[in-house]
Amino acid sequence: MLLRNIDQSFGLCHDTGLVVTQLVNHVLEAKVISSINIGEKIFIPSLSLTPFDHRISFQFQYKQFPMVISFVMKINKSQG
């Protein structure tokens, strides 16, 4: 599931469901499962983030993917 808006015109917004198909050093390959472009293959780069705090005299930078692991459970109920 995406945590940030990457490309709103393509439907890659916050809470878009994805299935990761391949992991590379700085890129994720994923398939869209919940958006207007279901089934499309996309590539998501890692983002460089630099927090800023006046209390410390140095800056650091870290990289992360704008995704979080989520699990889905599908329940089919029928009455009979």
PDB file of N, CA and C in Angstrom:
ATOM      1  N   MET A   1       0.842  -1.164   0.000  1.00  0.00           N
ATOM      2  CA  MET A   1       0.000   0.000   0.000  1.00  0.00           C
ATOM      3  C   MET A   1       0.897   1.239   0.000  1.00  0.00           C
ATOM      4  N   LEU A   2       0.571   2.173  -0.863  1.00  0.00           N
ATOM      5  CA  LEU A   2       1.366   3.399  -0.959  1.00  0.00           C
ATOM      6  C   LEU A   2       1.100   4.329   0.213  1.00  0.00           C
ATOM      7  N   LEU A   3       2.138   5.040   0.638  1.00  0.00           N
ATOM      8  CA  LEU A   3       2.014   6.004   1.724  1.00  0.00           C
ATOM      9  C   LEU A   3       2.018   7.447   1.238  1.00  0.00           C
ATOM     10  N   ARG A   4       2.405   7.677  -0.008  1.00  0.00           N
ATOM     11  CA  ARG A   4       2.489   9.034  -0.548  1.00  0.00           C
ATOM     12  C   ARG A   4       1.833   9.082  -1.922  1.00  0.00           C
ATOM     13  N   ASN A   5       1.444  10.274  -2.332  1.00  0.00           N
ATOM     14  CA  ASN A   5       0.953  10.472  -3.688  1.00  0.00           C
ATOM     15  C   ASN A   5       2.155  10.546  -4.622  1.00  0.00           C
ATOM     16  N   ILE A   6       2.245   9.616  -5.556  1.00  0.00           N
ATOM     17  CA  ILE A   6       3.365   9.596  -6.496  1.00  0.00           C
ATOM     18  C   ILE A   6       2.952  10.211  -7.828  1.00  0.00           C
ATOM     19  N   ASP A   7       1.858   9.725  -8.410  1.00  0.00           N
ATOM     20  CA  ASP A   7       1.367  10.237  -9.691  1.00  0.00           C
ATOM     21  C   ASP A   7      -0.153  10.152  -9.675  1.00  0.00           C
ATOM     22  N   GLN A   8      -0.805  11.263  -9.367  1.00  0.00           N
ATOM     23  CA  GLN A   8      -2.258  11.254  -9.224  1.00  0.00           C
ATOM     24  C   GLN A   8      -2.976  11.031 -10.547  1.00  0.00           C
ATOM     25  N   SER A   9      -2.398  11.478 -11.653  1.00  0.00           N
ATOM     26  CA  SER A   9      -3.054  11.284 -12.949  1.00  0.00           C
ATOM     27  C   SER A   9      -3.068   9.812 -13.353  1.00  0.00           C
ATOM     28  N   PHE A  10      -2.109   9.036 -12.882  1.00  0.00           N
ATOM     29  CA  PHE A  10      -2.044   7.605 -13.181  1.00  0.00           C
ATOM     30  C   PHE A  10      -2.770   6.780 -12.122  1.00  0.00           C
ATOM     31  N   GLY A  11      -3.189   7.408 -11.033  1.00  0.00           N
ATOM     32  CA  GLY A  11      -3.905   6.702  -9.979  1.00  0.00           C
ATOM     33  C   GLY A  11      -3.017   6.184  -8.870  1.00  0.00           C
ATOM     34  N   LEU A  12      -1.757   6.631  -8.810  1.00  0.00           N
ATOM     35  CA  LEU A  12      -0.843   6.193  -7.755  1.00  0.00           C
ATOM     36  C   LEU A  12      -0.918   7.184  -6.601  1.00  0.00           C
ATOM     37  N   CYS A  13      -1.963   7.039  -5.808  1.00  0.00           N
ATOM     38  CA  CYS A  13      -2.222   7.937  -4.692  1.00  0.00           C
ATOM     39  C   CYS A  13      -2.082   7.180  -3.378  1.00  0.00           C
ATOM     40  N   HIS A  14      -2.238   7.913  -2.295  1.00  0.00           N
ATOM     41  CA  HIS A  14      -2.199   7.341  -0.951  1.00  0.00           C
ATOM     42  C   HIS A  14      -3.220   6.206  -0.844  1.00  0.00           C
ATOM     43  N   ASP A  15      -2.843   5.090  -0.257  1.00  0.00           N
ATOM     44  CA  ASP A  15      -3.679   3.899  -0.034  1.00  0.00           C
ATOM     45  C   ASP A  15      -3.970   3.087  -1.292  1.00  0.00           C
ATOM     46  N   THR A  16      -3.179   3.232  -2.344  1.00  0.00           N
ATOM     47  CA  THR A  16      -3.328   2.388  -3.526  1.00  0.00           C
ATOM     48  C   THR A  16      -2.724   1.025  -3.232  1.00  0.00           C
ATOM     49  N   GLY A  17      -3.452  -0.028  -3.528  1.00  0.00           N
ATOM     50  CA  GLY A  17      -2.969  -1.383  -3.285  1.00  0.00           C
ATOM     51  C   GLY A  17      -2.055  -1.857  -4.400  1.00  0.00           C
ATOM     52  N   LEU A  18      -0.928  -2.468  -4.023  1.00  0.00           N
ATOM     53  CA  LEU A  18       0.055  -2.960  -4.982  1.00  0.00           C
ATOM     54  C   LEU A  18       0.537  -4.337  -4.560  1.00  0.00           C
ATOM     55  N   VAL A  19       0.940  -5.137  -5.537  1.00  0.00           N
ATOM     56  CA  VAL A  19       1.610  -6.407  -5.280  1.00  0.00           C
ATOM     57  C   VAL A  19       3.023  -6.269  -5.818  1.00  0.00           C
ATOM     58  N   VAL A  20       4.016  -6.396  -4.939  1.00  0.00           N
ATOM     59  CA  VAL A  20       5.411  -6.264  -5.353  1.00  0.00           C
ATOM     60  C   VAL A  20       5.816  -7.536  -6.083  1.00  0.00           C
ATOM     61  N   THR A  21       6.326  -7.371  -7.312  1.00  0.00           N
ATOM     62  CA  THR A  21       6.734  -8.520  -8.116  1.00  0.00           C
ATOM     63  C   THR A  21       8.242  -8.689  -8.173  1.00  0.00           C
ATOM     64  N   GLN A  22       8.990  -7.602  -7.963  1.00  0.00           N
ATOM     65  CA  GLN A  22      10.449  -7.703  -8.011  1.00  0.00           C
ATOM     66  C   GLN A  22      11.060  -6.608  -7.150  1.00  0.00           C
ATOM     67  N   LEU A  23      12.120  -6.973  -6.412  1.00  0.00           N
ATOM     68  CA  LEU A  23      12.874  -6.024  -5.601  1.00  0.00           C
ATOM     69  C   LEU A  23      14.264  -5.856  -6.201  1.00  0.00           C
ATOM     70  N   VAL A  24      14.651  -4.617  -6.439  1.00  0.00           N
ATOM     71  CA  VAL A  24      15.990  -4.291  -6.917  1.00  0.00           C
ATOM     72  C   VAL A  24      16.561  -3.302  -5.907  1.00  0.00           C
ATOM     73  N   ASN A  25      17.833  -2.919  -6.020  1.00  0.00           N
ATOM     74  CA  ASN A  25      18.470  -2.068  -5.013  1.00  0.00           C
ATOM     75  C   ASN A  25      17.698  -0.791  -4.713  1.00  0.00           C
ATOM     76  N   HIS A  26      17.345  -0.018  -5.712  1.00  0.00           N
ATOM     77  CA  HIS A  26      16.712   1.274  -5.474  1.00  0.00           C
ATOM     78  C   HIS A  26      15.349   1.409  -6.146  1.00  0.00           C
ATOM     79  N   VAL A  27      14.790   0.295  -6.631  1.00  0.00           N
ATOM     80  CA  VAL A  27      13.514   0.341  -7.354  1.00  0.00           C
ATOM     81  C   VAL A  27      12.677  -0.880  -6.986  1.00  0.00           C
ATOM     82  N   LEU A  28      11.368  -0.666  -6.837  1.00  0.00           N
ATOM     83  CA  LEU A  28      10.412  -1.758  -6.670  1.00  0.00           C
ATOM     84  C   LEU A  28       9.599  -1.890  -7.950  1.00  0.00           C
ATOM     85  N   GLU A  29       9.399  -3.110  -8.396  1.00  0.00           N
ATOM     86  CA  GLU A  29       8.471  -3.356  -9.495  1.00  0.00           C
ATOM     87  C   GLU A  29       7.202  -3.907  -8.870  1.00  0.00           C
ATOM     88  N   ALA A  30       6.059  -3.317  -9.205  1.00  0.00           N
ATOM     89  CA  ALA A  30       4.804  -3.727  -8.579  1.00  0.00           C
ATOM     90  C   ALA A  30       3.675  -3.728  -9.598  1.00  0.00           C
ATOM     91  N   LYS A  31       2.612  -4.461  -9.261  1.00  0.00           N
ATOM     92  CA  LYS A  31       1.414  -4.511 -10.083  1.00  0.00           C
ATOM     93  C   LYS A  31       0.275  -3.879  -9.294  1.00  0.00           C
ATOM     94  N   VAL A  32      -0.468  -2.983  -9.921  1.00  0.00           N
ATOM     95  CA  VAL A  32      -1.564  -2.267  -9.266  1.00  0.00           C
ATOM     96  C   VAL A  32      -2.756  -3.202  -9.115  1.00  0.00           C
ATOM     97  N   ILE A  33      -3.338  -3.251  -7.890  1.00  0.00           N
ATOM     98  CA  ILE A  33      -4.507  -4.108  -7.667  1.00  0.00           C
ATOM     99  C   ILE A  33      -5.733  -3.335  -7.203  1.00  0.00           C
ATOM    100  N   SER A  34      -5.591  -2.042  -6.879  1.00  0.00           N
ATOM    101  CA  SER A  34      -6.772  -1.287  -6.435  1.00  0.00           C
ATOM    102  C   SER A  34      -6.657   0.171  -6.860  1.00  0.00           C
ATOM    103  N   SER A  35      -7.021   0.444  -8.080  1.00  0.00           N
ATOM    104  CA  SER A  35      -6.997   1.808  -8.596  1.00  0.00           C
ATOM    105  C   SER A  35      -7.679   1.798  -9.957  1.00  0.00           C
ATOM    106  N   ILE A  36      -7.575   2.890 -10.676  1.00  0.00           N
ATOM    107  CA  ILE A  36      -8.181   2.933 -12.004  1.00  0.00           C
ATOM    108  C   ILE A  36      -7.362   2.149 -13.022  1.00  0.00           C
ATOM    109  N   ASN A  37      -6.114   1.858 -12.726  1.00  0.00           N
ATOM    110  CA  ASN A  37      -5.223   1.138 -13.643  1.00  0.00           C
ATOM    111  C   ASN A  37      -4.896  -0.253 -13.114  1.00  0.00           C
ATOM    112  N   ILE A  38      -5.896  -1.042 -12.820  1.00  0.00           N
ATOM    113  CA  ILE A  38      -5.684  -2.381 -12.262  1.00  0.00           C
ATOM    114  C   ILE A  38      -4.940  -3.243 -13.274  1.00  0.00           C
ATOM    115  N   GLY A  39      -3.894  -3.921 -12.791  1.00  0.00           N
ATOM    116  CA  GLY A  39      -3.110  -4.814 -13.630  1.00  0.00           C
ATOM    117  C   GLY A  39      -1.893  -4.178 -14.267  1.00  0.00           C
ATOM    118  N   GLU A  40      -1.750  -2.864 -14.191  1.00  0.00           N
ATOM    119  CA  GLU A  40      -0.594  -2.186 -14.782  1.00  0.00           C
ATOM    120  C   GLU A  40       0.665  -2.455 -13.960  1.00  0.00           C
ATOM    121  N   LYS A  41       1.794  -2.579 -14.645  1.00  0.00           N
ATOM    122  CA  LYS A  41       3.083  -2.756 -13.990  1.00  0.00           C
ATOM    123  C   LYS A  41       3.718  -1.382 -13.804  1.00  0.00           C
ATOM    124  N   ILE A  42       4.172  -1.086 -12.578  1.00  0.00           N
ATOM    125  CA  ILE A  42       4.781   0.213 -12.293  1.00  0.00           C
ATOM    126  C   ILE A  42       6.123   0.009 -11.604  1.00  0.00           C
ATOM    127  N   PHE A  43       6.943   1.049 -11.620  1.00  0.00           N
ATOM    128  CA  PHE A  43       8.239   1.040 -10.952  1.00  0.00           C
ATOM    129  C   PHE A  43       8.253   2.186  -9.945  1.00  0.00           C
ATOM    130  N   ILE A  44       8.620   1.886  -8.698  1.00  0.00           N
ATOM    131  CA  ILE A  44       8.623   2.882  -7.632  1.00  0.00           C
ATOM    132  C   ILE A  44      10.054   3.042  -7.126  1.00  0.00           C
ATOM    133  N   PRO A  45      10.631   4.248  -7.242  1.00  0.00           N
ATOM    134  CA  PRO A  45      11.998   4.465  -6.750  1.00  0.00           C
ATOM    135  C   PRO A  45      12.008   4.701  -5.242  1.00  0.00           C
ATOM    136  N   SER A  46      13.168   4.496  -4.623  1.00  0.00           N
ATOM    137  CA  SER A  46      13.297   4.839  -3.208  1.00  0.00           C
ATOM    138  C   SER A  46      13.458   6.348  -3.088  1.00  0.00           C
ATOM    139  N   LEU A  47      12.935   6.915  -2.013  1.00  0.00           N
ATOM    140  CA  LEU A  47      12.977   8.358  -1.805  1.00  0.00           C
ATOM    141  C   LEU A  47      14.046   8.707  -0.784  1.00  0.00           C
ATOM    142  N   SER A  48      14.790   9.772  -1.041  1.00  0.00           N
ATOM    143  CA  SER A  48      15.777  10.269  -0.086  1.00  0.00           C
ATOM    144  C   SER A  48      15.102  11.282   0.828  1.00  0.00           C
ATOM    145  N   LEU A  49      15.168  11.048   2.118  1.00  0.00           N
ATOM    146  CA  LEU A  49      14.547  11.930   3.098  1.00  0.00           C
ATOM    147  C   LEU A  49      15.622  12.502   4.009  1.00  0.00           C
ATOM    148  N   THR A  50      15.543  13.810   4.262  1.00  0.00           N
ATOM    149  CA  THR A  50      16.500  14.485   5.132  1.00  0.00           C
ATOM    150  C   THR A  50      15.728  15.234   6.210  1.00  0.00           C
ATOM    151  N   PRO A  51      15.638  14.674   7.416  1.00  0.00           N
ATOM    152  CA  PRO A  51      14.954  15.390   8.492  1.00  0.00           C
ATOM    153  C   PRO A  51      15.774  16.596   8.941  1.00  0.00           C
ATOM    154  N   PHE A  52      15.092  17.637   9.346  1.00  0.00           N
ATOM    155  CA  PHE A  52      15.765  18.862   9.764  1.00  0.00           C
ATOM    156  C   PHE A  52      15.376  19.171  11.203  1.00  0.00           C
ATOM    157  N   ASP A  53      16.386  19.376  12.034  1.00  0.00           N
ATOM    158  CA  ASP A  53      16.152  19.692  13.440  1.00  0.00           C
ATOM    159  C   ASP A  53      17.177  20.734  13.872  1.00  0.00           C
ATOM    160  N   HIS A  54      16.712  21.823  14.468  1.00  0.00           N
ATOM    161  CA  HIS A  54      17.609  22.901  14.898  1.00  0.00           C
ATOM    162  C   HIS A  54      18.481  22.492  16.086  1.00  0.00           C
ATOM    163  N   ARG A  55      18.053  21.496  16.843  1.00  0.00           N
ATOM    164  CA  ARG A  55      18.775  21.131  18.061  1.00  0.00           C
ATOM    165  C   ARG A  55      20.060  20.353  17.797  1.00  0.00           C
ATOM    166  N   ILE A  56      20.175  19.724  16.625  1.00  0.00           N
ATOM    167  CA  ILE A  56      21.404  18.982  16.325  1.00  0.00           C
ATOM    168  C   ILE A  56      22.213  19.741  15.280  1.00  0.00           C
ATOM    169  N   SER A  57      23.521  19.588  15.331  1.00  0.00           N
ATOM    170  CA  SER A  57      24.399  20.380  14.467  1.00  0.00           C
ATOM    171  C   SER A  57      24.754  19.675  13.160  1.00  0.00           C
ATOM    172  N   PHE A  58      24.180  18.525  12.896  1.00  0.00           N
ATOM    173  CA  PHE A  58      24.477  17.816  11.658  1.00  0.00           C
ATOM    174  C   PHE A  58      23.170  17.357  11.021  1.00  0.00           C
ATOM    175  N   GLN A  59      23.254  17.015   9.753  1.00  0.00           N
ATOM    176  CA  GLN A  59      22.101  16.489   9.036  1.00  0.00           C
ATOM    177  C   GLN A  59      22.416  15.078   8.570  1.00  0.00           C
ATOM    178  N   PHE A  60      21.418  14.255   8.535  1.00  0.00           N
ATOM    179  CA  PHE A  60      21.582  12.917   8.006  1.00  0.00           C
ATOM    180  C   PHE A  60      20.501  12.668   6.968  1.00  0.00           C
ATOM    181  N   GLN A  61      20.734  11.675   6.154  1.00  0.00           N
ATOM    182  CA  GLN A  61      19.824  11.368   5.062  1.00  0.00           C
ATOM    183  C   GLN A  61      19.583   9.867   5.050  1.00  0.00           C
ATOM    184  N   TYR A  62      18.347   9.474   4.824  1.00  0.00           N
ATOM    185  CA  TYR A  62      18.041   8.057   4.705  1.00  0.00           C
ATOM    186  C   TYR A  62      17.106   7.842   3.530  1.00  0.00           C
ATOM    187  N   LYS A  63      17.103   6.623   3.017  1.00  0.00           N
ATOM    188  CA  LYS A  63      16.271   6.279   1.872  1.00  0.00           C
ATOM    189  C   LYS A  63      15.236   5.255   2.302  1.00  0.00           C
ATOM    190  N   GLN A  64      14.038   5.417   1.774  1.00  0.00           N
ATOM    191  CA  GLN A  64      12.999   4.439   2.039  1.00  0.00           C
ATOM    192  C   GLN A  64      12.025   4.409   0.873  1.00  0.00           C
ATOM    193  N   PHE A  65      11.317   3.302   0.758  1.00  0.00           N
ATOM    194  CA  PHE A  65      10.269   3.186  -0.243  1.00  0.00           C
ATOM    195  C   PHE A  65       8.971   3.707   0.364  1.00  0.00           C
ATOM    196  N   PRO A  66       8.150   4.410  -0.414  1.00  0.00           N
ATOM    197  CA  PRO A  66       6.908   4.972   0.127  1.00  0.00           C
ATOM    198  C   PRO A  66       5.788   3.937   0.194  1.00  0.00           C
ATOM    199  N   MET A  67       6.076   2.797   0.827  1.00  0.00           N
ATOM    200  CA  MET A  67       5.101   1.711   0.906  1.00  0.00           C
ATOM    201  C   MET A  67       5.085   1.137   2.312  1.00  0.00           C
ATOM    202  N   VAL A  68       4.009   0.445   2.633  1.00  0.00           N
ATOM    203  CA  VAL A  68       3.890  -0.271   3.892  1.00  0.00           C
ATOM    204  C   VAL A  68       3.287  -1.644   3.582  1.00  0.00           C
ATOM    205  N   ILE A  69       3.696  -2.640   4.343  1.00  0.00           N
ATOM    206  CA  ILE A  69       3.167  -3.989   4.148  1.00  0.00           C
ATOM    207  C   ILE A  69       1.745  -4.044   4.696  1.00  0.00           C
ATOM    208  N   SER A  70       0.858  -4.629   3.937  1.00  0.00           N
ATOM    209  CA  SER A  70      -0.513  -4.810   4.408  1.00  0.00           C
ATOM    210  C   SER A  70      -0.997  -6.187   3.967  1.00  0.00           C
ATOM    211  N   PHE A  71      -1.968  -6.698   4.677  1.00  0.00           N
ATOM    212  CA  PHE A  71      -2.511  -8.012   4.392  1.00  0.00           C
ATOM    213  C   PHE A  71      -3.998  -7.880   4.085  1.00  0.00           C
ATOM    214  N   VAL A  72      -4.484  -8.748   3.224  1.00  0.00           N
ATOM    215  CA  VAL A  72      -5.881  -8.707   2.808  1.00  0.00           C
ATOM    216  C   VAL A  72      -6.516 -10.055   3.096  1.00  0.00           C
ATOM    217  N   MET A  73      -7.746 -10.018   3.580  1.00  0.00           N
ATOM    218  CA  MET A  73      -8.499 -11.246   3.789  1.00  0.00           C
ATOM    219  C   MET A  73      -9.846 -11.077   3.096  1.00  0.00           C
ATOM    220  N   LYS A  74     -10.166 -11.992   2.220  1.00  0.00           N
ATOM    221  CA  LYS A  74     -11.420 -11.923   1.485  1.00  0.00           C
ATOM    222  C   LYS A  74     -12.369 -12.971   2.053  1.00  0.00           C
ATOM    223  N   ILE A  75     -13.570 -12.537   2.392  1.00  0.00           N
ATOM    224  CA  ILE A  75     -14.564 -13.441   2.970  1.00  0.00           C
ATOM    225  C   ILE A  75     -15.774 -13.473   2.045  1.00  0.00           C
ATOM    226  N   ASN A  76     -16.120 -14.648   1.601  1.00  0.00           N
ATOM    227  CA  ASN A  76     -17.324 -14.828   0.788  1.00  0.00           C
ATOM    228  C   ASN A  76     -18.375 -15.510   1.655  1.00  0.00           C
ATOM    229  N   LYS A  77     -19.484 -14.845   1.851  1.00  0.00           N
ATOM    230  CA  LYS A  77     -20.566 -15.423   2.647  1.00  0.00           C
ATOM    231  C   LYS A  77     -21.757 -15.690   1.740  1.00  0.00           C
ATOM    232  N   SER A  78     -22.358 -16.804   1.955  1.00  0.00           N
ATOM    233  CA  SER A  78     -23.589 -17.104   1.221  1.00  0.00           C
ATOM    234  C   SER A  78     -24.608 -17.662   2.206  1.00  0.00           C
ATOM    235  N   GLN A  79     -25.831 -17.349   1.962  1.00  0.00           N
ATOM    236  CA  GLN A  79     -26.890 -17.848   2.832  1.00  0.00           C
ATOM    237  C   GLN A  79     -27.644 -18.939   2.092  1.00  0.00           C
ATOM    238  N   GLY A  80     -27.919 -19.974   2.802  1.00  0.00           N
ATOM    239  CA  GLY A  80     -28.609 -21.051   2.115  1.00  0.00           C
ATOM    240  C   GLY A  80     -29.369 -21.944   3.022  1.00  0.00           C
TER     241      GLY A  80
END
